[in-house]
Every structure is written in C-alpha cells, then in structure tokens.
Amino acid sequence: MNRSAVRENAFKMIYGMEVQKEYSREQLELFIKENEIEDTSAVQYLNDIYNGLEKSEEITEMISKNLKKDWTIDRISKVNIAILKIAIYEIKYMKLPFKVAINEAVELAKKYGDDTAPTFVNGVLASIVKE
C-alpha cells in the first residue's frame, strides 16, 4: 500500500472519529480490522496519526489562528478538518516536507471536499507554514 493510499485511509479514520465525536483506540482497531489493513507500515502510520490526536487541541488552535477574519473553526466542514489535522500533524510532528503534505492534503480535498475545499485547505496550510 503506497503512502497516498495509507494517508487516504487515515483521512477516512479521522473523518469518522470527527463525525462520531469518539476518539478511541477501539475505533482505530475497528477501522484497521474492517478495512483489512495488514501492511505493518500502514498500521504504524495509522497509529502515528491516531496518537497525534493527543495534539488535537494544539492543531485546532493552529487552524483557528490561520482562518480568515470572521471565520471560526465551527464553520469548517468535517472533511476539511480531518484533512487539515493530518497535514498539520505530518508537517509539524512527523517532519514531512511541507510541499508533500500540502500536495497530498489538496488531493484529498479535491477527492472528498466541495469545490472550494482544495483552495481552502491550501490557503490554511500555506499560512501555517509561513508562521
């Protein structure tokens, strides 16, 4: 399984947790089992992303600070939140080159978000990288 496919699975996992408002190790394990993910590097990446949820408040704060004036985190779709959380975690904590993380995030936004999602995700991430 290539890294883009693994990242897409991570997005689906985080999105599901965002919608259900349940962030538990059991949810992670259930996701891996239901999606029949057996590749050890994929499982490790999903675990890393899940563990990154410990930084969720800090990541959410970064998103909030980089929104346009008069925007709040509550206005952002769950799809965009999940994409942004993964990309920010990859850039800040996994030390993935920001160009790679932003490109992958924009591709996920094109696939799963609305028409404005790619531009929105790109803008927020570019603003965060500039900090």
N, C-alpha and C. Protein backbone atom coordinates (compact mmCIF):
# COMPACT_ATOMS: atom_id res chain seq x y z
N MET A 1 0.86 -1.17 0.00
CA MET A 1 0.00 0.00 0.00
C MET A 1 0.91 1.24 0.00
N ASN A 2 0.70 2.13 -0.98
CA ASN A 2 1.55 3.32 -1.05
C ASN A 2 1.12 4.36 -0.02
N ARG A 3 1.99 5.34 0.20
CA ARG A 3 1.74 6.33 1.26
C ARG A 3 0.47 7.14 1.02
N SER A 4 0.16 7.44 -0.24
CA SER A 4 -1.07 8.20 -0.53
C SER A 4 -2.31 7.40 -0.13
N ALA A 5 -2.29 6.10 -0.41
CA ALA A 5 -3.42 5.24 -0.05
C ALA A 5 -3.54 5.13 1.47
N VAL A 6 -2.41 5.03 2.14
CA VAL A 6 -2.41 4.96 3.61
C VAL A 6 -2.95 6.27 4.19
N ARG A 7 -2.51 7.39 3.61
CA ARG A 7 -2.98 8.70 4.06
C ARG A 7 -4.48 8.84 3.85
N GLU A 8 -4.97 8.32 2.74
CA GLU A 8 -6.41 8.36 2.47
C GLU A 8 -7.17 7.55 3.53
N ASN A 9 -6.62 6.42 3.92
CA ASN A 9 -7.23 5.64 5.00
C ASN A 9 -7.20 6.41 6.31
N ALA A 10 -6.10 7.10 6.57
CA ALA A 10 -6.01 7.91 7.79
C ALA A 10 -7.07 9.00 7.77
N PHE A 11 -7.27 9.61 6.61
CA PHE A 11 -8.32 10.63 6.48
C PHE A 11 -9.68 10.03 6.81
N LYS A 12 -9.98 8.87 6.24
CA LYS A 12 -11.28 8.23 6.49
C LYS A 12 -11.45 7.92 7.98
N MET A 13 -10.38 7.47 8.61
CA MET A 13 -10.44 7.15 10.03
C MET A 13 -10.71 8.41 10.86
N ILE A 14 -9.93 9.47 10.62
CA ILE A 14 -10.09 10.71 11.38
C ILE A 14 -11.46 11.33 11.10
N TYR A 15 -11.89 11.30 9.85
CA TYR A 15 -13.20 11.84 9.50
C TYR A 15 -14.30 11.11 10.28
N GLY A 16 -14.22 9.79 10.31
CA GLY A 16 -15.21 9.00 11.06
C GLY A 16 -15.22 9.36 12.53
N MET A 17 -14.04 9.55 13.09
CA MET A 17 -13.95 9.92 14.50
C MET A 17 -14.50 11.32 14.73
N GLU A 18 -14.25 12.24 13.79
CA GLU A 18 -14.78 13.61 13.90
C GLU A 18 -16.30 13.60 13.88
N VAL A 19 -16.87 12.83 12.97
CA VAL A 19 -18.33 12.77 12.83
C VAL A 19 -18.96 12.15 14.09
N GLN A 20 -18.36 11.05 14.54
CA GLN A 20 -18.91 10.34 15.70
C GLN A 20 -18.53 10.99 17.02
N LYS A 21 -17.56 11.89 16.97
CA LYS A 21 -17.03 12.53 18.18
C LYS A 21 -16.55 11.49 19.19
N GLU A 22 -15.97 10.43 18.65
CA GLU A 22 -15.41 9.38 19.50
C GLU A 22 -14.00 9.07 19.02
N TYR A 23 -13.03 9.38 19.87
CA TYR A 23 -11.63 9.19 19.54
C TYR A 23 -11.06 8.13 20.49
N SER A 24 -11.16 6.88 20.10
CA SER A 24 -10.70 5.82 21.00
C SER A 24 -9.82 4.83 20.25
N ARG A 25 -8.97 4.19 21.01
CA ARG A 25 -8.10 3.15 20.45
C ARG A 25 -8.96 2.05 19.82
N GLU A 26 -10.13 1.78 20.43
CA GLU A 26 -11.04 0.76 19.88
C GLU A 26 -11.51 1.14 18.49
N GLN A 27 -11.79 2.45 18.28
CA GLN A 27 -12.21 2.92 16.96
C GLN A 27 -11.09 2.68 15.95
N LEU A 28 -9.85 2.96 16.35
CA LEU A 28 -8.69 2.73 15.48
C LEU A 28 -8.58 1.26 15.11
N GLU A 29 -8.64 0.39 16.11
CA GLU A 29 -8.51 -1.04 15.87
C GLU A 29 -9.65 -1.58 15.00
N LEU A 30 -10.85 -1.09 15.24
CA LEU A 30 -12.00 -1.48 14.44
C LEU A 30 -11.83 -1.03 12.99
N PHE A 31 -11.34 0.19 12.79
CA PHE A 31 -11.11 0.71 11.44
C PHE A 31 -10.10 -0.17 10.70
N ILE A 32 -9.00 -0.51 11.35
CA ILE A 32 -7.97 -1.35 10.73
C ILE A 32 -8.53 -2.71 10.37
N LYS A 33 -9.31 -3.30 11.28
CA LYS A 33 -9.89 -4.62 11.04
C LYS A 33 -10.92 -4.57 9.91
N GLU A 34 -11.85 -3.62 9.96
CA GLU A 34 -12.90 -3.54 8.95
C GLU A 34 -12.36 -3.26 7.55
N ASN A 35 -11.26 -2.52 7.47
CA ASN A 35 -10.67 -2.19 6.18
C ASN A 35 -9.57 -3.17 5.77
N GLU A 36 -9.41 -4.21 6.57
CA GLU A 36 -8.45 -5.28 6.30
C GLU A 36 -7.06 -4.73 5.98
N ILE A 37 -6.59 -3.84 6.81
CA ILE A 37 -5.26 -3.24 6.64
C ILE A 37 -4.27 -4.12 7.38
N GLU A 38 -3.42 -4.79 6.61
CA GLU A 38 -2.46 -5.72 7.21
C GLU A 38 -1.02 -5.28 7.03
N ASP A 39 -0.78 -4.35 6.14
CA ASP A 39 0.56 -3.82 5.89
C ASP A 39 1.06 -3.16 7.18
N THR A 40 2.18 -3.64 7.71
CA THR A 40 2.65 -3.15 9.00
C THR A 40 3.01 -1.66 8.97
N SER A 41 3.55 -1.18 7.85
CA SER A 41 3.88 0.25 7.79
C SER A 41 2.60 1.09 7.74
N ALA A 42 1.55 0.57 7.11
CA ALA A 42 0.27 1.27 7.07
C ALA A 42 -0.34 1.32 8.47
N VAL A 43 -0.29 0.20 9.18
CA VAL A 43 -0.83 0.15 10.54
C VAL A 43 -0.04 1.10 11.44
N GLN A 44 1.28 1.14 11.27
CA GLN A 44 2.11 2.04 12.07
C GLN A 44 1.76 3.50 11.79
N TYR A 45 1.56 3.84 10.52
CA TYR A 45 1.20 5.22 10.16
C TYR A 45 -0.15 5.60 10.77
N LEU A 46 -1.13 4.70 10.69
CA LEU A 46 -2.44 4.97 11.28
C LEU A 46 -2.32 5.16 12.79
N ASN A 47 -1.49 4.36 13.43
CA ASN A 47 -1.25 4.52 14.86
C ASN A 47 -0.59 5.87 15.15
N ASP A 48 0.37 6.27 14.32
CA ASP A 48 1.02 7.57 14.50
C ASP A 48 0.01 8.70 14.39
N ILE A 49 -0.85 8.64 13.37
CA ILE A 49 -1.86 9.67 13.18
C ILE A 49 -2.84 9.67 14.36
N TYR A 50 -3.25 8.49 14.79
CA TYR A 50 -4.14 8.40 15.95
C TYR A 50 -3.48 9.00 17.18
N ASN A 51 -2.23 8.66 17.42
CA ASN A 51 -1.51 9.21 18.57
C ASN A 51 -1.38 10.73 18.47
N GLY A 52 -1.36 11.22 17.24
CA GLY A 52 -1.31 12.66 17.01
C GLY A 52 -2.54 13.38 17.49
N LEU A 53 -3.63 12.64 17.70
CA LEU A 53 -4.85 13.26 18.22
C LEU A 53 -4.63 13.85 19.62
N GLU A 54 -3.56 13.38 20.29
CA GLU A 54 -3.21 13.97 21.58
C GLU A 54 -2.86 15.45 21.41
N LYS A 55 -2.42 15.80 20.22
CA LYS A 55 -2.06 17.18 19.91
C LYS A 55 -3.23 17.92 19.27
N SER A 56 -4.41 17.34 19.31
CA SER A 56 -5.57 17.87 18.61
C SER A 56 -5.89 19.31 19.01
N GLU A 57 -5.81 19.62 20.29
CA GLU A 57 -6.11 21.00 20.74
C GLU A 57 -5.12 21.98 20.13
N GLU A 58 -3.85 21.62 20.16
CA GLU A 58 -2.81 22.48 19.61
C GLU A 58 -3.01 22.65 18.09
N ILE A 59 -3.33 21.57 17.40
CA ILE A 59 -3.55 21.62 15.96
C ILE A 59 -4.79 22.44 15.64
N THR A 60 -5.86 22.26 16.40
CA THR A 60 -7.09 23.03 16.20
C THR A 60 -6.81 24.52 16.42
N GLU A 61 -6.00 24.84 17.40
CA GLU A 61 -5.62 26.23 17.66
C GLU A 61 -4.87 26.82 16.46
N MET A 62 -3.97 26.02 15.87
CA MET A 62 -3.22 26.48 14.70
C MET A 62 -4.18 26.75 13.53
N ILE A 63 -5.16 25.88 13.35
CA ILE A 63 -6.14 26.09 12.29
C ILE A 63 -6.91 27.38 12.56
N SER A 64 -7.41 27.53 13.78
CA SER A 64 -8.20 28.71 14.15
C SER A 64 -7.44 30.01 13.91
N LYS A 65 -6.16 30.03 14.29
CA LYS A 65 -5.36 31.25 14.14
C LYS A 65 -5.09 31.60 12.68
N ASN A 66 -5.24 30.63 11.80
CA ASN A 66 -4.92 30.86 10.40
C ASN A 66 -6.14 30.92 9.49
N LEU A 67 -7.30 31.13 10.09
CA LEU A 67 -8.52 31.31 9.31
C LEU A 67 -8.68 32.78 8.96
N LYS A 68 -9.45 33.04 7.92
CA LYS A 68 -9.73 34.43 7.55
C LYS A 68 -10.54 35.08 8.65
N LYS A 69 -10.48 36.39 8.66
CA LYS A 69 -11.23 37.18 9.64
C LYS A 69 -12.70 36.78 9.60
N ASP A 70 -13.34 36.74 10.74
CA ASP A 70 -14.76 36.39 10.90
C ASP A 70 -15.07 34.92 10.67
N TRP A 71 -14.05 34.08 10.52
CA TRP A 71 -14.28 32.64 10.38
C TRP A 71 -13.98 31.98 11.72
N THR A 72 -14.74 30.93 12.03
CA THR A 72 -14.46 30.14 13.22
C THR A 72 -14.32 28.69 12.81
N ILE A 73 -13.73 27.93 13.67
CA ILE A 73 -13.49 26.51 13.40
C ILE A 73 -14.82 25.77 13.17
N ASP A 74 -15.89 26.25 13.79
CA ASP A 74 -17.20 25.60 13.65
C ASP A 74 -17.76 25.68 12.23
N ARG A 75 -17.27 26.62 11.44
CA ARG A 75 -17.76 26.80 10.08
C ARG A 75 -17.09 25.83 9.09
N ILE A 76 -16.02 25.19 9.52
CA ILE A 76 -15.25 24.33 8.62
C ILE A 76 -15.88 22.93 8.59
N SER A 77 -15.97 22.37 7.40
CA SER A 77 -16.55 21.03 7.26
C SER A 77 -15.67 19.99 7.95
N LYS A 78 -16.28 18.89 8.34
CA LYS A 78 -15.55 17.79 8.98
C LYS A 78 -14.50 17.23 8.03
N VAL A 79 -14.82 17.22 6.74
CA VAL A 79 -13.87 16.75 5.73
C VAL A 79 -12.60 17.60 5.79
N ASN A 80 -12.77 18.92 5.74
CA ASN A 80 -11.61 19.81 5.76
C ASN A 80 -10.85 19.74 7.08
N ILE A 81 -11.57 19.60 8.18
CA ILE A 81 -10.91 19.48 9.49
C ILE A 81 -10.03 18.24 9.52
N ALA A 82 -10.55 17.12 9.06
CA ALA A 82 -9.78 15.87 9.07
C ALA A 82 -8.53 16.00 8.19
N ILE A 83 -8.69 16.57 7.01
CA ILE A 83 -7.55 16.75 6.10
C ILE A 83 -6.50 17.66 6.74
N LEU A 84 -6.94 18.77 7.29
CA LEU A 84 -6.01 19.72 7.91
C LEU A 84 -5.29 19.11 9.10
N LYS A 85 -5.99 18.36 9.93
CA LYS A 85 -5.35 17.76 11.10
C LYS A 85 -4.23 16.81 10.68
N ILE A 86 -4.48 16.01 9.66
CA ILE A 86 -3.46 15.07 9.20
C ILE A 86 -2.26 15.83 8.64
N ALA A 87 -2.51 16.79 7.77
CA ALA A 87 -1.42 17.53 7.13
C ALA A 87 -0.59 18.30 8.16
N ILE A 88 -1.25 18.95 9.09
CA ILE A 88 -0.51 19.71 10.11
C ILE A 88 0.31 18.78 10.98
N TYR A 89 -0.25 17.65 11.35
CA TYR A 89 0.50 16.69 12.16
C TYR A 89 1.73 16.20 11.39
N GLU A 90 1.53 15.90 10.10
CA GLU A 90 2.66 15.43 9.29
C GLU A 90 3.77 16.48 9.19
N ILE A 91 3.38 17.73 9.00
CA ILE A 91 4.36 18.79 8.85
C ILE A 91 5.07 19.08 10.18
N LYS A 92 4.29 19.26 11.23
CA LYS A 92 4.85 19.72 12.50
C LYS A 92 5.53 18.61 13.31
N TYR A 93 4.95 17.43 13.33
CA TYR A 93 5.45 16.38 14.23
C TYR A 93 6.14 15.21 13.52
N MET A 94 5.74 14.93 12.29
CA MET A 94 6.39 13.84 11.56
C MET A 94 7.51 14.36 10.67
N LYS A 95 7.62 15.69 10.60
CA LYS A 95 8.68 16.37 9.83
C LYS A 95 8.65 16.01 8.34
N LEU A 96 7.45 15.76 7.82
CA LEU A 96 7.28 15.54 6.38
C LEU A 96 7.49 16.88 5.69
N PRO A 97 8.18 16.91 4.56
CA PRO A 97 8.34 18.19 3.85
C PRO A 97 6.97 18.83 3.58
N PHE A 98 6.86 20.12 3.88
CA PHE A 98 5.55 20.77 3.80
C PHE A 98 4.95 20.72 2.40
N LYS A 99 5.78 20.75 1.37
CA LYS A 99 5.25 20.70 0.00
C LYS A 99 4.54 19.38 -0.26
N VAL A 100 5.09 18.30 0.24
CA VAL A 100 4.48 16.98 0.08
C VAL A 100 3.16 16.91 0.85
N ALA A 101 3.19 17.34 2.10
CA ALA A 101 1.99 17.30 2.94
C ALA A 101 0.87 18.15 2.36
N ILE A 102 1.21 19.35 1.89
CA ILE A 102 0.19 20.23 1.32
C ILE A 102 -0.37 19.63 0.03
N ASN A 103 0.50 19.12 -0.83
CA ASN A 103 0.03 18.50 -2.07
C ASN A 103 -0.91 17.34 -1.80
N GLU A 104 -0.55 16.48 -0.87
CA GLU A 104 -1.39 15.33 -0.53
C GLU A 104 -2.72 15.79 0.06
N ALA A 105 -2.68 16.83 0.90
CA ALA A 105 -3.90 17.35 1.51
C ALA A 105 -4.83 17.94 0.44
N VAL A 106 -4.26 18.66 -0.49
CA VAL A 106 -5.07 19.26 -1.57
C VAL A 106 -5.69 18.16 -2.43
N GLU A 107 -4.95 17.10 -2.69
CA GLU A 107 -5.50 15.98 -3.47
C GLU A 107 -6.68 15.32 -2.73
N LEU A 108 -6.55 15.15 -1.43
CA LEU A 108 -7.67 14.61 -0.65
C LEU A 108 -8.86 15.56 -0.68
N ALA A 109 -8.59 16.85 -0.61
CA ALA A 109 -9.67 17.85 -0.65
C ALA A 109 -10.39 17.82 -2.00
N LYS A 110 -9.64 17.62 -3.08
CA LYS A 110 -10.25 17.51 -4.41
C LYS A 110 -11.17 16.30 -4.49
N LYS A 111 -10.74 15.22 -3.87
CA LYS A 111 -11.49 13.96 -3.95
C LYS A 111 -12.70 13.95 -3.03
N TYR A 112 -12.56 14.49 -1.82
CA TYR A 112 -13.62 14.35 -0.81
C TYR A 112 -14.34 15.65 -0.44
N GLY A 113 -13.75 16.77 -0.73
CA GLY A 113 -14.34 18.04 -0.33
C GLY A 113 -15.23 18.65 -1.41
N ASP A 114 -15.77 19.81 -1.08
CA ASP A 114 -16.58 20.52 -2.06
C ASP A 114 -15.66 21.28 -3.02
N ASP A 115 -16.23 22.08 -3.90
CA ASP A 115 -15.44 22.79 -4.92
C ASP A 115 -14.42 23.75 -4.33
N THR A 116 -14.71 24.30 -3.16
CA THR A 116 -13.80 25.28 -2.57
C THR A 116 -12.76 24.64 -1.65
N ALA A 117 -12.91 23.37 -1.35
CA ALA A 117 -12.04 22.69 -0.37
C ALA A 117 -10.56 22.74 -0.74
N PRO A 118 -10.17 22.44 -1.98
CA PRO A 118 -8.73 22.46 -2.28
C PRO A 118 -8.08 23.82 -2.03
N THR A 119 -8.75 24.88 -2.44
CA THR A 119 -8.22 26.23 -2.24
C THR A 119 -8.17 26.57 -0.76
N PHE A 120 -9.23 26.22 -0.03
CA PHE A 120 -9.29 26.49 1.41
C PHE A 120 -8.17 25.77 2.14
N VAL A 121 -8.03 24.47 1.90
CA VAL A 121 -7.00 23.66 2.57
C VAL A 121 -5.61 24.21 2.24
N ASN A 122 -5.37 24.50 0.98
CA ASN A 122 -4.08 25.03 0.55
C ASN A 122 -3.79 26.35 1.26
N GLY A 123 -4.78 27.23 1.35
CA GLY A 123 -4.59 28.53 1.97
C GLY A 123 -4.26 28.43 3.45
N VAL A 124 -5.02 27.60 4.17
CA VAL A 124 -4.77 27.44 5.61
C VAL A 124 -3.39 26.85 5.86
N LEU A 125 -3.05 25.81 5.10
CA LEU A 125 -1.74 25.15 5.30
C LEU A 125 -0.59 26.09 4.92
N ALA A 126 -0.75 26.85 3.84
CA ALA A 126 0.30 27.79 3.44
C ALA A 126 0.50 28.84 4.53
N SER A 127 -0.57 29.30 5.12
CA SER A 127 -0.49 30.29 6.20
C SER A 127 0.22 29.71 7.41
N ILE A 128 -0.07 28.46 7.73
CA ILE A 128 0.58 27.81 8.88
C ILE A 128 2.07 27.62 8.63
N VAL A 129 2.43 27.24 7.42
CA VAL A 129 3.84 27.02 7.08
C VAL A 129 4.62 28.34 7.17
N LYS A 130 3.99 29.44 6.81
CA LYS A 130 4.66 30.75 6.85
C LYS A 130 5.00 31.18 8.27
N GLU A 131 4.26 30.67 9.27
CA GLU A 131 4.50 31.08 10.67
C GLU A 131 5.89 30.74 11.14
